[in-house]
């Protein structure tokens, strides 16, 4: 009870004192109130094709360092497992997605819905990329491309207003809204060498499905972008999840920029809020983070990773055995 009180006081103090990592626009949206799930309903990232540059960060504080050390001291051999998304960006220059529309109720999905989902994912992936540019062994500076390998859906989905490219995308209708397992790079990875795609090849031998889009001629998918219209997880209470396999969230929450960033950060291997013990948060309030938090990201209208998120990302990358 006492810890809950301290946490609540910490949240109030943080909100009142302001967050130095918040942009003015994000801070204004946050101060205006409203539900975090709808405050970005009119926000779709504008994507540029200009080369990206390294993101500059504030100085690392003593508090940052303590949290960083604690977060990654037990990662060890699991670091490769958690780093697939950053390595896809660097070794491929693109991310191929299986869009999963796992709906129990009848729903209409428009071409604009699909375009917006890709824009949110692309914006967050490029922010990760900017955080890693300049790190040893990370060389890809052209904006990472994000495209669809296929769209998997249940029979409850009706499509309207699809673009020509979306119409040409492979469609897989089944009860679990799954793309073929044989085409999943995550499910078929064997060794760390699988992360190094020589010559940035688009070929994936185990997959027999062939893409017809010449602008995105991949025949595999790296991650799932998975939407459900029902809660899930072991207790059927989860509304979002992220990991090396991709991201999953409620379709009803698809307009939340902060939720995308939180989940894409999890897909990149960044630790979640429960990775720190209570005594550490008693010692010093956790640095502002859109990923490593259980209560910051719902309160935040940020549409970018905080400095501490990028500090964690760089620390994780430096630990990678893949060169």
C-alpha atoms as a PDB file:
ATOM      1  CA  UNK A   1       0.000   0.000   0.000  1.00  0.00           C
ATOM      2  CA  UNK A   2       2.847   2.318   0.937  1.00  0.00           C
ATOM      3  CA  UNK A   3       4.605   1.575  -2.369  1.00  0.00           C
ATOM      4  CA  UNK A   4       1.404   2.247  -4.302  1.00  0.00           C
ATOM      5  CA  UNK A   5       1.156   5.623  -2.562  1.00  0.00           C
ATOM      6  CA  UNK A   6       4.763   6.456  -3.452  1.00  0.00           C
ATOM      7  CA  UNK A   7       4.200   5.422  -7.066  1.00  0.00           C
ATOM      8  CA  UNK A   8       1.056   7.540  -7.311  1.00  0.00           C
ATOM      9  CA  UNK A   9       2.880  10.542  -5.856  1.00  0.00           C
ATOM     10  CA  UNK A  10       5.722   9.969  -8.327  1.00  0.00           C
ATOM     11  CA  UNK A  11       3.348   9.935 -11.268  1.00  0.00           C
ATOM     12  CA  UNK A  12       1.652  13.150 -10.115  1.00  0.00           C
ATOM     13  CA  UNK A  13       4.993  14.879  -9.576  1.00  0.00           C
ATOM     14  CA  UNK A  14       6.280  13.815 -12.979  1.00  0.00           C
ATOM     15  CA  UNK A  15       3.150  15.025 -14.716  1.00  0.00           C
ATOM     16  CA  UNK A  16       3.218  18.307 -12.838  1.00  0.00           C
ATOM     17  CA  UNK A  17       6.924  19.022 -13.259  1.00  0.00           C
ATOM     18  CA  UNK A  18       6.964  18.227 -16.949  1.00  0.00           C
ATOM     19  CA  UNK A  19       9.144  15.873 -18.959  1.00  0.00           C
ATOM     20  CA  UNK A  20      12.182  17.361 -20.724  1.00  0.00           C
ATOM     21  CA  UNK A  21      11.953  14.757 -23.480  1.00  0.00           C
ATOM     22  CA  UNK A  22       8.412  15.710 -24.494  1.00  0.00           C
ATOM     23  CA  UNK A  23       8.059  17.883 -27.573  1.00  0.00           C
ATOM     24  CA  UNK A  24       6.001  21.060 -27.147  1.00  0.00           C
ATOM     25  CA  UNK A  25       3.216  19.573 -29.250  1.00  0.00           C
ATOM     26  CA  UNK A  26       3.140  16.384 -27.204  1.00  0.00           C
ATOM     27  CA  UNK A  27       3.243  18.326 -23.934  1.00  0.00           C
ATOM     28  CA  UNK A  28       0.322  20.464 -25.082  1.00  0.00           C
ATOM     29  CA  UNK A  29      -1.720  17.393 -25.971  1.00  0.00           C
ATOM     30  CA  UNK A  30      -0.872  15.799 -22.623  1.00  0.00           C
ATOM     31  CA  UNK A  31      -1.886  18.886 -20.622  1.00  0.00           C
ATOM     32  CA  UNK A  32      -5.172  19.127 -22.515  1.00  0.00           C
ATOM     33  CA  UNK A  33      -6.333  15.841 -20.958  1.00  0.00           C
ATOM     34  CA  UNK A  34      -8.455  13.168 -22.590  1.00  0.00           C
ATOM     35  CA  UNK A  35      -8.121   9.444 -22.985  1.00  0.00           C
ATOM     36  CA  UNK A  36      -4.720   8.347 -24.247  1.00  0.00           C
ATOM     37  CA  UNK A  37      -6.322   5.824 -26.568  1.00  0.00           C
ATOM     38  CA  UNK A  38      -8.099   8.527 -28.578  1.00  0.00           C
ATOM     39  CA  UNK A  39      -5.948  11.632 -28.231  1.00  0.00           C
ATOM     40  CA  UNK A  40      -3.993  10.673 -31.364  1.00  0.00           C
ATOM     41  CA  UNK A  41      -6.948   9.600 -33.452  1.00  0.00           C
ATOM     42  CA  UNK A  42      -6.176  12.356 -35.952  1.00  0.00           C
ATOM     43  CA  UNK A  43      -2.410  11.790 -35.963  1.00  0.00           C
ATOM     44  CA  UNK A  44      -0.712   9.924 -38.779  1.00  0.00           C
ATOM     45  CA  UNK A  45       3.077  10.302 -39.090  1.00  0.00           C
ATOM     46  CA  UNK A  46       4.454  12.101 -42.131  1.00  0.00           C
ATOM     47  CA  UNK A  47       7.203   9.944 -43.577  1.00  0.00           C
ATOM     48  CA  UNK A  48      10.201  11.387 -45.403  1.00  0.00           C
ATOM     49  CA  UNK A  49      12.583   9.656 -47.803  1.00  0.00           C
ATOM     50  CA  UNK A  50      15.585  11.785 -46.779  1.00  0.00           C
ATOM     51  CA  UNK A  51      18.602   9.960 -45.275  1.00  0.00           C
ATOM     52  CA  UNK A  52      18.473   9.709 -41.504  1.00  0.00           C
ATOM     53  CA  UNK A  53      21.033  11.035 -39.037  1.00  0.00           C
ATOM     54  CA  UNK A  54      22.053   9.935 -35.560  1.00  0.00           C
ATOM     55  CA  UNK A  55      19.787  11.080 -32.760  1.00  0.00           C
ATOM     56  CA  UNK A  56      21.438  13.237 -30.108  1.00  0.00           C
ATOM     57  CA  UNK A  57      20.602  12.544 -26.471  1.00  0.00           C
ATOM     58  CA  UNK A  58      20.897  14.302 -23.153  1.00  0.00           C
ATOM     59  CA  UNK A  59      23.795  13.270 -20.920  1.00  0.00           C
ATOM     60  CA  UNK A  60      23.478   9.986 -19.055  1.00  0.00           C
ATOM     61  CA  UNK A  61      22.725  10.649 -15.390  1.00  0.00           C
ATOM     62  CA  UNK A  62      23.681   8.519 -12.398  1.00  0.00           C
ATOM     63  CA  UNK A  63      20.060   7.378 -12.181  1.00  0.00           C
ATOM     64  CA  UNK A  64      20.072   6.392 -15.859  1.00  0.00           C
ATOM     65  CA  UNK A  65      23.222   4.363 -15.324  1.00  0.00           C
ATOM     66  CA  UNK A  66      21.822   2.449 -12.351  1.00  0.00           C
ATOM     67  CA  UNK A  67      18.690   1.522 -14.272  1.00  0.00           C
ATOM     68  CA  UNK A  68      20.676   0.562 -17.383  1.00  0.00           C
ATOM     69  CA  UNK A  69      23.042  -1.654 -15.390  1.00  0.00           C
ATOM     70  CA  UNK A  70      20.201  -3.397 -13.626  1.00  0.00           C
ATOM     71  CA  UNK A  71      18.150  -3.900 -16.797  1.00  0.00           C
ATOM     72  CA  UNK A  72      20.835  -5.666 -18.787  1.00  0.00           C
ATOM     73  CA  UNK A  73      22.915  -7.496 -16.191  1.00  0.00           C
ATOM     74  CA  UNK A  74      20.888 -10.691 -16.684  1.00  0.00           C
ATOM     75  CA  UNK A  75      20.383 -10.532 -20.464  1.00  0.00           C
ATOM     76  CA  UNK A  76      23.496 -12.553 -21.289  1.00  0.00           C
ATOM     77  CA  UNK A  77      23.059 -15.114 -24.052  1.00  0.00           C
ATOM     78  CA  UNK A  78      19.478 -14.017 -24.706  1.00  0.00           C
ATOM     79  CA  UNK A  79      20.643 -10.752 -26.230  1.00  0.00           C
ATOM     80  CA  UNK A  80      20.563 -12.122 -29.799  1.00  0.00           C
ATOM     81  CA  UNK A  81      17.022 -13.399 -29.376  1.00  0.00           C
ATOM     82  CA  UNK A  82      15.925  -9.917 -28.378  1.00  0.00           C
ATOM     83  CA  UNK A  83      17.638  -8.073 -31.202  1.00  0.00           C
ATOM     84  CA  UNK A  84      16.010  -9.301 -34.357  1.00  0.00           C
ATOM     85  CA  UNK A  85      14.180  -6.069 -35.218  1.00  0.00           C
ATOM     86  CA  UNK A  86      17.295  -3.811 -35.042  1.00  0.00           C
ATOM     87  CA  UNK A  87      19.237  -6.326 -37.125  1.00  0.00           C
ATOM     88  CA  UNK A  88      16.475  -6.542 -39.724  1.00  0.00           C
ATOM     89  CA  UNK A  89      16.772  -2.783 -40.141  1.00  0.00           C
ATOM     90  CA  UNK A  90      20.545  -2.844 -40.503  1.00  0.00           C
ATOM     91  CA  UNK A  91      21.060  -5.976 -42.601  1.00  0.00           C
ATOM     92  CA  UNK A  92      18.002  -5.730 -44.843  1.00  0.00           C
ATOM     93  CA  UNK A  93      17.035  -2.062 -44.974  1.00  0.00           C
ATOM     94  CA  UNK A  94      13.392  -3.128 -44.834  1.00  0.00           C
ATOM     95  CA  UNK A  95      10.885  -4.833 -42.549  1.00  0.00           C
ATOM     96  CA  UNK A  96       8.335  -7.211 -44.001  1.00  0.00           C
ATOM     97  CA  UNK A  97       5.114  -7.631 -42.053  1.00  0.00           C
ATOM     98  CA  UNK A  98       2.271 -10.091 -41.861  1.00  0.00           C
ATOM     99  CA  UNK A  99      -0.778  -7.979 -41.074  1.00  0.00           C
ATOM    100  CA  UNK A 100      -3.058 -10.144 -38.957  1.00  0.00           C
ATOM    101  CA  UNK A 101      -6.709  -9.117 -38.620  1.00  0.00           C
ATOM    102  CA  UNK A 102      -7.901 -11.536 -35.952  1.00  0.00           C
ATOM    103  CA  UNK A 103     -11.524 -10.524 -35.465  1.00  0.00           C
ATOM    104  CA  UNK A 104     -14.387 -12.357 -33.802  1.00  0.00           C
ATOM    105  CA  UNK A 105     -16.940  -9.729 -34.783  1.00  0.00           C
ATOM    106  CA  UNK A 106     -17.779  -8.574 -38.287  1.00  0.00           C
ATOM    107  CA  UNK A 107     -15.691  -5.503 -39.148  1.00  0.00           C
ATOM    108  CA  UNK A 108     -14.898  -3.366 -42.162  1.00  0.00           C
ATOM    109  CA  UNK A 109     -11.196  -2.610 -42.735  1.00  0.00           C
ATOM    110  CA  UNK A 110     -10.397   0.179 -45.182  1.00  0.00           C
ATOM    111  CA  UNK A 111      -7.333   0.876 -47.232  1.00  0.00           C
ATOM    112  CA  UNK A 112      -6.754   3.953 -45.086  1.00  0.00           C
ATOM    113  CA  UNK A 113      -6.794   1.820 -41.916  1.00  0.00           C
ATOM    114  CA  UNK A 114      -4.017  -0.320 -43.386  1.00  0.00           C
ATOM    115  CA  UNK A 115      -1.994   2.685 -44.588  1.00  0.00           C
ATOM    116  CA  UNK A 116      -2.244   4.346 -41.172  1.00  0.00           C
ATOM    117  CA  UNK A 117      -1.106   1.180 -39.395  1.00  0.00           C
ATOM    118  CA  UNK A 118       1.964   0.946 -41.637  1.00  0.00           C
ATOM    119  CA  UNK A 119       2.721   4.638 -41.106  1.00  0.00           C
ATOM    120  CA  UNK A 120       2.695   4.252 -37.318  1.00  0.00           C
ATOM    121  CA  UNK A 121       4.917   1.168 -37.477  1.00  0.00           C
ATOM    122  CA  UNK A 122       7.295   2.813 -39.962  1.00  0.00           C
ATOM    123  CA  UNK A 123       7.647   5.997 -37.915  1.00  0.00           C
ATOM    124  CA  UNK A 124       8.521   4.076 -34.747  1.00  0.00           C
ATOM    125  CA  UNK A 125      10.960   1.775 -36.600  1.00  0.00           C
ATOM    126  CA  UNK A 126      12.744   4.786 -38.111  1.00  0.00           C
ATOM    127  CA  UNK A 127      13.047   6.357 -34.675  1.00  0.00           C
ATOM    128  CA  UNK A 128      14.768   3.164 -33.523  1.00  0.00           C
ATOM    129  CA  UNK A 129      17.020   3.377 -36.566  1.00  0.00           C
ATOM    130  CA  UNK A 130      18.010   6.976 -35.794  1.00  0.00           C
ATOM    131  CA  UNK A 131      18.870   5.886 -32.281  1.00  0.00           C
ATOM    132  CA  UNK A 132      21.324   3.286 -33.631  1.00  0.00           C
ATOM    133  CA  UNK A 133      22.943   5.223 -36.485  1.00  0.00           C
ATOM    134  CA  UNK A 134      26.561   5.829 -35.543  1.00  0.00           C
ATOM    135  CA  UNK A 135      26.818   2.754 -33.332  1.00  0.00           C
ATOM    136  CA  UNK A 136      29.562   0.239 -34.168  1.00  0.00           C
ATOM    137  CA  UNK A 137      28.487  -2.230 -36.876  1.00  0.00           C
ATOM    138  CA  UNK A 138      25.262  -0.345 -37.632  1.00  0.00           C
ATOM    139  CA  UNK A 139      25.531   1.095 -41.137  1.00  0.00           C
ATOM    140  CA  UNK A 140      22.066   1.520 -42.702  1.00  0.00           C
ATOM    141  CA  UNK A 141      21.157   5.231 -42.909  1.00  0.00           C
ATOM    142  CA  UNK A 142      18.505   5.227 -45.630  1.00  0.00           C
ATOM    143  CA  UNK A 143      15.035   5.270 -44.040  1.00  0.00           C
ATOM    144  CA  UNK A 144      14.004   1.704 -43.374  1.00  0.00           C
ATOM    145  CA  UNK A 145      11.102   0.596 -45.557  1.00  0.00           C
ATOM    146  CA  UNK A 146       8.130  -1.216 -44.078  1.00  0.00           C
ATOM    147  CA  UNK A 147       5.819  -3.231 -46.297  1.00  0.00           C
ATOM    148  CA  UNK A 148       3.334  -6.060 -46.288  1.00  0.00           C
ATOM    149  CA  UNK A 149       4.175  -9.617 -47.162  1.00  0.00           C
ATOM    150  CA  UNK A 150       0.562 -10.558 -46.729  1.00  0.00           C
ATOM    151  CA  UNK A 151      -2.718  -9.882 -44.968  1.00  0.00           C
ATOM    152  CA  UNK A 152      -4.118 -12.714 -42.875  1.00  0.00           C
ATOM    153  CA  UNK A 153      -7.706 -12.386 -41.701  1.00  0.00           C
ATOM    154  CA  UNK A 154     -10.702 -14.222 -40.362  1.00  0.00           C
ATOM    155  CA  UNK A 155     -13.930 -14.548 -42.305  1.00  0.00           C
ATOM    156  CA  UNK A 156     -15.405 -11.651 -40.304  1.00  0.00           C
ATOM    157  CA  UNK A 157     -13.306  -9.065 -42.181  1.00  0.00           C
ATOM    158  CA  UNK A 158     -14.643  -7.078 -45.118  1.00  0.00           C
ATOM    159  CA  UNK A 159     -12.216  -4.886 -47.074  1.00  0.00           C
ATOM    160  CA  UNK A 160     -13.176  -1.558 -48.598  1.00  0.00           C
ATOM    161  CA  UNK A 161     -11.247   1.076 -50.526  1.00  0.00           C
ATOM    162  CA  UNK A 162      -7.983  -0.856 -50.843  1.00  0.00           C
ATOM    163  CA  UNK A 163      -5.204   0.612 -52.946  1.00  0.00           C
ATOM    164  CA  UNK A 164      -3.940  -1.286 -55.971  1.00  0.00           C
ATOM    165  CA  UNK A 165      -0.918  -2.444 -53.969  1.00  0.00           C
ATOM    166  CA  UNK A 166      -3.066  -3.572 -51.044  1.00  0.00           C
ATOM    167  CA  UNK A 167      -5.326  -5.458 -53.446  1.00  0.00           C
ATOM    168  CA  UNK A 168      -2.283  -7.202 -54.903  1.00  0.00           C
ATOM    169  CA  UNK A 169      -0.995  -8.207 -51.461  1.00  0.00           C
ATOM    170  CA  UNK A 170      -1.291 -11.894 -50.637  1.00  0.00           C
ATOM    171  CA  UNK A 171      -4.417 -12.706 -48.633  1.00  0.00           C
ATOM    172  CA  UNK A 172      -4.726 -15.618 -46.212  1.00  0.00           C
ATOM    173  CA  UNK A 173      -8.149 -16.328 -44.731  1.00  0.00           C
ATOM    174  CA  UNK A 174      -8.228 -18.752 -41.818  1.00  0.00           C
ATOM    175  CA  UNK A 175      -9.670 -18.997 -38.324  1.00  0.00           C
ATOM    176  CA  UNK A 176      -6.461 -17.832 -36.618  1.00  0.00           C
ATOM    177  CA  UNK A 177      -5.590 -15.069 -39.115  1.00  0.00           C
ATOM    178  CA  UNK A 178      -2.108 -16.480 -39.736  1.00  0.00           C
ATOM    179  CA  UNK A 179       0.352 -16.103 -42.586  1.00  0.00           C
ATOM    180  CA  UNK A 180       2.174 -19.336 -43.546  1.00  0.00           C
ATOM    181  CA  UNK A 181       4.627 -20.437 -40.862  1.00  0.00           C
ATOM    182  CA  UNK A 182       7.071 -21.496 -43.603  1.00  0.00           C
ATOM    183  CA  UNK A 183       7.369 -17.820 -44.608  1.00  0.00           C
ATOM    184  CA  UNK A 184       8.139 -16.500 -41.113  1.00  0.00           C
ATOM    185  CA  UNK A 185      11.769 -15.501 -40.639  1.00  0.00           C
ATOM    186  CA  UNK A 186      11.261 -15.515 -36.873  1.00  0.00           C
ATOM    187  CA  UNK A 187       9.811 -19.039 -36.765  1.00  0.00           C
ATOM    188  CA  UNK A 188      12.483 -20.437 -39.093  1.00  0.00           C
ATOM    189  CA  UNK A 189      15.625 -18.819 -37.713  1.00  0.00           C
ATOM    190  CA  UNK A 190      18.358 -21.266 -36.775  1.00  0.00           C
ATOM    191  CA  UNK A 191      21.559 -19.434 -35.882  1.00  0.00           C
ATOM    192  CA  UNK A 192      22.825 -15.891 -35.470  1.00  0.00           C
ATOM    193  CA  UNK A 193      24.104 -16.119 -39.042  1.00  0.00           C
ATOM    194  CA  UNK A 194      20.491 -15.920 -40.187  1.00  0.00           C
ATOM    195  CA  UNK A 195      20.620 -12.252 -39.252  1.00  0.00           C
ATOM    196  CA  UNK A 196      23.215 -11.555 -41.931  1.00  0.00           C
ATOM    197  CA  UNK A 197      21.437 -11.488 -45.268  1.00  0.00           C
ATOM    198  CA  UNK A 198      24.256 -11.427 -47.791  1.00  0.00           C
ATOM    199  CA  UNK A 199      23.843  -8.787 -50.453  1.00  0.00           C
ATOM    200  CA  UNK A 200      20.543  -7.798 -48.824  1.00  0.00           C
ATOM    201  CA  UNK A 201      18.849 -10.672 -50.634  1.00  0.00           C
ATOM    202  CA  UNK A 202      15.067 -10.791 -50.749  1.00  0.00           C
ATOM    203  CA  UNK A 203      14.998 -14.581 -51.089  1.00  0.00           C
ATOM    204  CA  UNK A 204      13.765 -16.889 -48.341  1.00  0.00           C
ATOM    205  CA  UNK A 205      13.955 -20.504 -49.571  1.00  0.00           C
ATOM    206  CA  UNK A 206      11.438 -22.128 -47.205  1.00  0.00           C
ATOM    207  CA  UNK A 207       8.602 -19.872 -48.382  1.00  0.00           C
ATOM    208  CA  UNK A 208       6.803 -20.898 -51.545  1.00  0.00           C
ATOM    209  CA  UNK A 209       4.546 -17.835 -51.670  1.00  0.00           C
ATOM    210  CA  UNK A 210       5.837 -15.261 -54.158  1.00  0.00           C
ATOM    211  CA  UNK A 211       5.138 -11.561 -54.002  1.00  0.00           C
ATOM    212  CA  UNK A 212       4.073  -9.797 -57.181  1.00  0.00           C
ATOM    213  CA  UNK A 213       4.842  -6.233 -56.031  1.00  0.00           C
ATOM    214  CA  UNK A 214       8.115  -5.163 -57.756  1.00  0.00           C
ATOM    215  CA  UNK A 215       8.627  -2.338 -55.224  1.00  0.00           C
ATOM    216  CA  UNK A 216       8.641  -4.773 -52.318  1.00  0.00           C
ATOM    217  CA  UNK A 217       9.547  -8.175 -53.795  1.00  0.00           C
ATOM    218  CA  UNK A 218       9.994 -10.134 -50.571  1.00  0.00           C
ATOM    219  CA  UNK A 219       8.745 -13.648 -50.046  1.00  0.00           C
ATOM    220  CA  UNK A 220       9.014 -13.817 -46.285  1.00  0.00           C
ATOM    221  CA  UNK A 221       7.799 -11.821 -43.309  1.00  0.00           C
ATOM    222  CA  UNK A 222       9.932 -10.693 -40.414  1.00  0.00           C
ATOM    223  CA  UNK A 223       7.274  -9.700 -37.885  1.00  0.00           C
ATOM    224  CA  UNK A 224       3.572  -9.849 -37.179  1.00  0.00           C
ATOM    225  CA  UNK A 225       1.500  -6.683 -36.956  1.00  0.00           C
ATOM    226  CA  UNK A 226      -1.395  -8.356 -35.208  1.00  0.00           C
ATOM    227  CA  UNK A 227      -4.749  -6.849 -34.329  1.00  0.00           C
ATOM    228  CA  UNK A 228      -7.507  -8.523 -32.341  1.00  0.00           C
ATOM    229  CA  UNK A 229     -10.924  -7.234 -31.341  1.00  0.00           C
ATOM    230  CA  UNK A 230     -10.842  -9.159 -28.053  1.00  0.00           C
ATOM    231  CA  UNK A 231      -8.491  -9.312 -25.060  1.00  0.00           C
ATOM    232  CA  UNK A 232      -5.928 -12.104 -25.067  1.00  0.00           C
ATOM    233  CA  UNK A 233      -3.074 -13.658 -23.105  1.00  0.00           C
ATOM    234  CA  UNK A 234      -3.036 -16.374 -20.448  1.00  0.00           C
ATOM    235  CA  UNK A 235      -5.856 -14.772 -18.470  1.00  0.00           C
ATOM    236  CA  UNK A 236      -7.563 -13.167 -21.487  1.00  0.00           C
ATOM    237  CA  UNK A 237      -7.017  -9.709 -20.036  1.00  0.00           C
ATOM    238  CA  UNK A 238      -4.142  -8.395 -22.191  1.00  0.00           C
ATOM    239  CA  UNK A 239      -4.777  -5.558 -24.626  1.00  0.00           C
ATOM    240  CA  UNK A 240      -1.265  -5.291 -26.082  1.00  0.00           C
ATOM    241  CA  UNK A 241       1.917  -7.368 -26.371  1.00  0.00           C
ATOM    242  CA  UNK A 242       5.273  -7.137 -28.095  1.00  0.00           C
ATOM    243  CA  UNK A 243       8.331  -9.298 -28.630  1.00  0.00           C
ATOM    244  CA  UNK A 244      10.802 -10.562 -31.214  1.00  0.00           C
ATOM    245  CA  UNK A 245       7.840 -12.083 -33.089  1.00  0.00           C
ATOM    246  CA  UNK A 246       6.144  -8.691 -33.590  1.00  0.00           C
ATOM    247  CA  UNK A 247       3.422  -6.617 -31.920  1.00  0.00           C
ATOM    248  CA  UNK A 248      -0.195  -7.264 -31.003  1.00  0.00           C
ATOM    249  CA  UNK A 249      -2.876  -4.866 -29.832  1.00  0.00           C
ATOM    250  CA  UNK A 250      -6.597  -4.310 -29.782  1.00  0.00           C
ATOM    251  CA  UNK A 251      -7.989  -3.013 -33.063  1.00  0.00           C
ATOM    252  CA  UNK A 252      -9.948  -0.484 -31.029  1.00  0.00           C
ATOM    253  CA  UNK A 253      -6.664   1.036 -29.793  1.00  0.00           C
ATOM    254  CA  UNK A 254      -4.998   1.341 -33.199  1.00  0.00           C
ATOM    255  CA  UNK A 255      -4.964   5.165 -33.118  1.00  0.00           C
ATOM    256  CA  UNK A 256      -2.712   5.366 -30.054  1.00  0.00           C
ATOM    257  CA  UNK A 257       0.744   6.514 -31.165  1.00  0.00           C
ATOM    258  CA  UNK A 258       2.197   5.948 -27.695  1.00  0.00           C
ATOM    259  CA  UNK A 259       0.965   2.352 -27.665  1.00  0.00           C
ATOM    260  CA  UNK A 260       2.665   1.662 -31.017  1.00  0.00           C
ATOM    261  CA  UNK A 261       5.950   3.054 -29.735  1.00  0.00           C
ATOM    262  CA  UNK A 262       5.728   1.043 -26.536  1.00  0.00           C
ATOM    263  CA  UNK A 263       5.076  -2.204 -28.392  1.00  0.00           C
ATOM    264  CA  UNK A 264       7.609  -1.661 -31.196  1.00  0.00           C
ATOM    265  CA  UNK A 265      10.169  -0.897 -28.480  1.00  0.00           C
ATOM    266  CA  UNK A 266       9.316  -4.225 -26.884  1.00  0.00           C
ATOM    267  CA  UNK A 267       9.740  -5.900 -30.278  1.00  0.00           C
ATOM    268  CA  UNK A 268      13.231  -4.374 -30.419  1.00  0.00           C
ATOM    269  CA  UNK A 269      14.143  -6.060 -27.130  1.00  0.00           C
ATOM    270  CA  UNK A 270      13.768  -3.129 -24.735  1.00  0.00           C
ATOM    271  CA  UNK A 271      12.765  -4.097 -21.181  1.00  0.00           C
ATOM    272  CA  UNK A 272       9.273  -3.566 -19.860  1.00  0.00           C
ATOM    273  CA  UNK A 273       8.267  -1.812 -16.652  1.00  0.00           C
ATOM    274  CA  UNK A 274       8.340  -4.903 -14.463  1.00  0.00           C
ATOM    275  CA  UNK A 275      12.046  -5.466 -15.186  1.00  0.00           C
ATOM    276  CA  UNK A 276      12.998  -3.310 -12.199  1.00  0.00           C
ATOM    277  CA  UNK A 277      12.456  -4.275  -8.545  1.00  0.00           C
ATOM    278  CA  UNK A 278      10.491  -2.138  -6.115  1.00  0.00           C
ATOM    279  CA  UNK A 279      13.571  -1.146  -4.134  1.00  0.00           C
ATOM    280  CA  UNK A 280      15.074   0.486  -7.213  1.00  0.00           C
ATOM    281  CA  UNK A 281      12.039   2.677  -7.766  1.00  0.00           C
ATOM    282  CA  UNK A 282      12.102   3.594  -4.084  1.00  0.00           C
ATOM    283  CA  UNK A 283      15.705   4.687  -4.530  1.00  0.00           C
ATOM    284  CA  UNK A 284      15.050   6.910  -7.549  1.00  0.00           C
ATOM    285  CA  UNK A 285      12.045   7.459  -9.787  1.00  0.00           C
ATOM    286  CA  UNK A 286      12.520   5.686 -13.087  1.00  0.00           C
ATOM    287  CA  UNK A 287      13.700   7.880 -15.987  1.00  0.00           C
ATOM    288  CA  UNK A 288      10.982   8.860 -18.430  1.00  0.00           C
ATOM    289  CA  UNK A 289      10.438   6.037 -20.891  1.00  0.00           C
ATOM    290  CA  UNK A 290       7.722   5.028 -23.317  1.00  0.00           C
ATOM    291  CA  UNK A 291       8.821   1.373 -23.204  1.00  0.00           C
ATOM    292  CA  UNK A 292      10.285   0.576 -19.791  1.00  0.00           C
ATOM    293  CA  UNK A 293       7.264   1.610 -17.797  1.00  0.00           C
ATOM    294  CA  UNK A 294       3.973   0.268 -16.576  1.00  0.00           C
ATOM    295  CA  UNK A 295       2.401   3.661 -16.006  1.00  0.00           C
ATOM    296  CA  UNK A 296       4.272   6.294 -18.013  1.00  0.00           C
ATOM    297  CA  UNK A 297       3.243   5.362 -21.517  1.00  0.00           C
ATOM    298  CA  UNK A 298      -0.552   5.498 -21.037  1.00  0.00           C
ATOM    299  CA  UNK A 299      -0.134   8.997 -19.591  1.00  0.00           C
ATOM    300  CA  UNK A 300       2.099  10.117 -22.428  1.00  0.00           C
ATOM    301  CA  UNK A 301       1.026  11.557 -25.750  1.00  0.00           C
ATOM    302  CA  UNK A 302       4.580  11.317 -27.037  1.00  0.00           C
ATOM    303  CA  UNK A 303       5.017  10.131 -30.604  1.00  0.00           C
ATOM    304  CA  UNK A 304       8.710   9.338 -30.224  1.00  0.00           C
ATOM    305  CA  UNK A 305      11.005   7.338 -28.021  1.00  0.00           C
ATOM    306  CA  UNK A 306      12.384   9.148 -25.001  1.00  0.00           C
ATOM    307  CA  UNK A 307      16.112   9.596 -24.517  1.00  0.00           C
ATOM    308  CA  UNK A 308      16.226   6.805 -21.958  1.00  0.00           C
ATOM    309  CA  UNK A 309      14.585   4.417 -24.446  1.00  0.00           C
ATOM    310  CA  UNK A 310      17.395   5.116 -26.916  1.00  0.00           C
ATOM    311  CA  UNK A 311      20.005   4.734 -24.174  1.00  0.00           C
ATOM    312  CA  UNK A 312      18.627   1.249 -23.520  1.00  0.00           C
ATOM    313  CA  UNK A 313      18.557   0.474 -27.248  1.00  0.00           C
ATOM    314  CA  UNK A 314      22.221   1.432 -27.678  1.00  0.00           C
ATOM    315  CA  UNK A 315      23.240  -0.565 -24.624  1.00  0.00           C
ATOM    316  CA  UNK A 316      21.445  -3.610 -26.006  1.00  0.00           C
ATOM    317  CA  UNK A 317      23.047  -3.187 -29.431  1.00  0.00           C
ATOM    318  CA  UNK A 318      26.535  -2.910 -27.923  1.00  0.00           C
ATOM    319  CA  UNK A 319      25.992  -6.286 -26.249  1.00  0.00           C
ATOM    320  CA  UNK A 320      25.163  -8.027 -29.515  1.00  0.00           C
ATOM    321  CA  UNK A 321      27.412 -10.900 -30.597  1.00  0.00           C
ATOM    322  CA  UNK A 322      26.280 -10.418 -34.227  1.00  0.00           C
ATOM    323  CA  UNK A 323      28.807  -8.368 -36.193  1.00  0.00           C
END
